[in-house]
Protein backbone atom coordinates (compact mmCIF):
# COMPACT_ATOMS: atom_id res chain seq x y z
CA UNK A 1 0.23 0.01 -0.15
CA UNK A 2 1.36 3.19 -0.99
CA UNK A 3 -0.51 5.71 1.36
CA UNK A 4 1.03 8.85 -0.27
CA UNK A 5 -1.12 8.02 -3.10
CA UNK A 6 -4.19 8.66 -1.09
CA UNK A 7 -3.70 11.20 1.59
CA UNK A 8 -2.03 14.81 0.99
CA UNK A 9 -1.32 17.71 3.31
CA UNK A 10 -2.26 21.20 1.72
CA UNK A 11 -1.63 24.16 3.92
CA UNK A 12 -4.73 25.60 2.41
CA UNK A 13 -6.82 22.71 3.16
CA UNK A 14 -7.78 22.35 6.85
CA UNK A 15 -4.23 24.09 7.69
CA UNK A 16 -2.08 21.30 6.26
CA UNK A 17 -3.97 18.54 8.24
CA UNK A 18 -3.18 15.16 6.29
CA UNK A 19 -6.54 14.66 4.62
CA UNK A 20 -7.92 11.90 2.11
CA UNK A 21 -6.79 13.07 -1.47
CA UNK A 22 -9.74 14.96 -3.27
CA UNK A 23 -12.13 15.84 -0.11
CA UNK A 24 -11.52 17.69 2.97
CA UNK A 25 -11.86 14.69 5.49
CA UNK A 26 -9.02 14.63 7.60
CA UNK A 27 -7.22 11.43 8.99
CA UNK A 28 -7.98 12.98 12.41
CA UNK A 29 -11.89 12.95 11.89
CA UNK A 30 -11.78 9.28 10.82
CA UNK A 31 -9.32 7.95 13.86
CA UNK A 32 -12.40 10.13 15.80
CA UNK A 33 -14.91 8.25 14.51
CA UNK A 34 -13.05 4.60 14.60
CA UNK A 35 -12.00 5.71 18.19
CA UNK A 36 -15.84 6.64 19.31
CA UNK A 37 -17.03 3.25 18.08
CA UNK A 38 -17.88 4.07 14.62
CA UNK A 39 -17.94 0.73 12.42
CA UNK A 40 -16.30 0.78 8.71
CA UNK A 41 -19.73 0.67 7.41
CA UNK A 42 -20.80 3.69 9.30
CA UNK A 43 -18.21 5.73 8.00
CA UNK A 44 -18.71 4.57 4.61
CA UNK A 45 -22.44 5.30 4.73
CA UNK A 46 -22.03 8.95 6.10
CA UNK A 47 -18.77 9.30 3.89
CA UNK A 48 -19.52 7.38 0.47
CA UNK A 49 -16.56 8.92 -1.08
CA UNK A 50 -14.41 6.70 1.23
CA UNK A 51 -13.63 3.22 0.47
CA UNK A 52 -11.80 0.52 2.09
CA UNK A 53 -8.94 1.79 -0.04
CA UNK A 54 -8.69 4.89 1.98
CA UNK A 55 -9.02 3.23 5.54
CA UNK A 56 -6.34 0.83 4.51
CA UNK A 57 -4.03 4.00 3.25
CA UNK A 58 -4.74 5.70 6.59
CA UNK A 59 -3.48 2.75 8.63
CA UNK A 60 -0.56 2.48 6.39
CA UNK A 61 0.28 6.15 6.99
CA UNK A 62 0.17 5.99 10.66
CA UNK A 63 2.26 2.35 10.49
CA UNK A 64 4.96 4.71 8.73
CA UNK A 65 4.52 7.43 11.45
CA UNK A 66 5.10 5.17 14.18
CA UNK A 67 8.10 3.83 12.47
CA UNK A 68 9.62 6.72 12.23
CA UNK A 69 9.03 7.82 15.71
CA UNK A 70 6.55 10.59 14.60
CA UNK A 71 4.38 10.16 17.48
CA UNK A 72 4.00 11.55 21.11
CA UNK A 73 6.06 9.15 23.68
CA UNK A 74 3.62 7.82 26.27
CA UNK A 75 4.07 8.06 29.99
CA UNK A 76 4.94 5.43 31.90
CA UNK A 77 2.29 3.18 33.23
CA UNK A 78 2.25 2.29 36.67
C-alpha cells in the first residue's frame, strides 16, 4: 500500500492536516470516528466517497508514522 497516493497535506486545506486526497476529510476525523465506536460501514454510509482502500491507506500512514517515531511518547504505565 502506497498511502501517499491517497493521503495529502495542503496548507490551504484544514491548515495542512493530512486529508484523504480530493476531499476535506481529515485523517484525524476518521480516527476520531473509529475511536468513538463507529464501524467501517457507518463511515462508508456517512462518507460515501471513502472506500476500504482509503482506510487501509490511513493505517499504512499511521504505521509509517510510528516506525519513524512521529508520535507523542507515552508516559510510564504504573
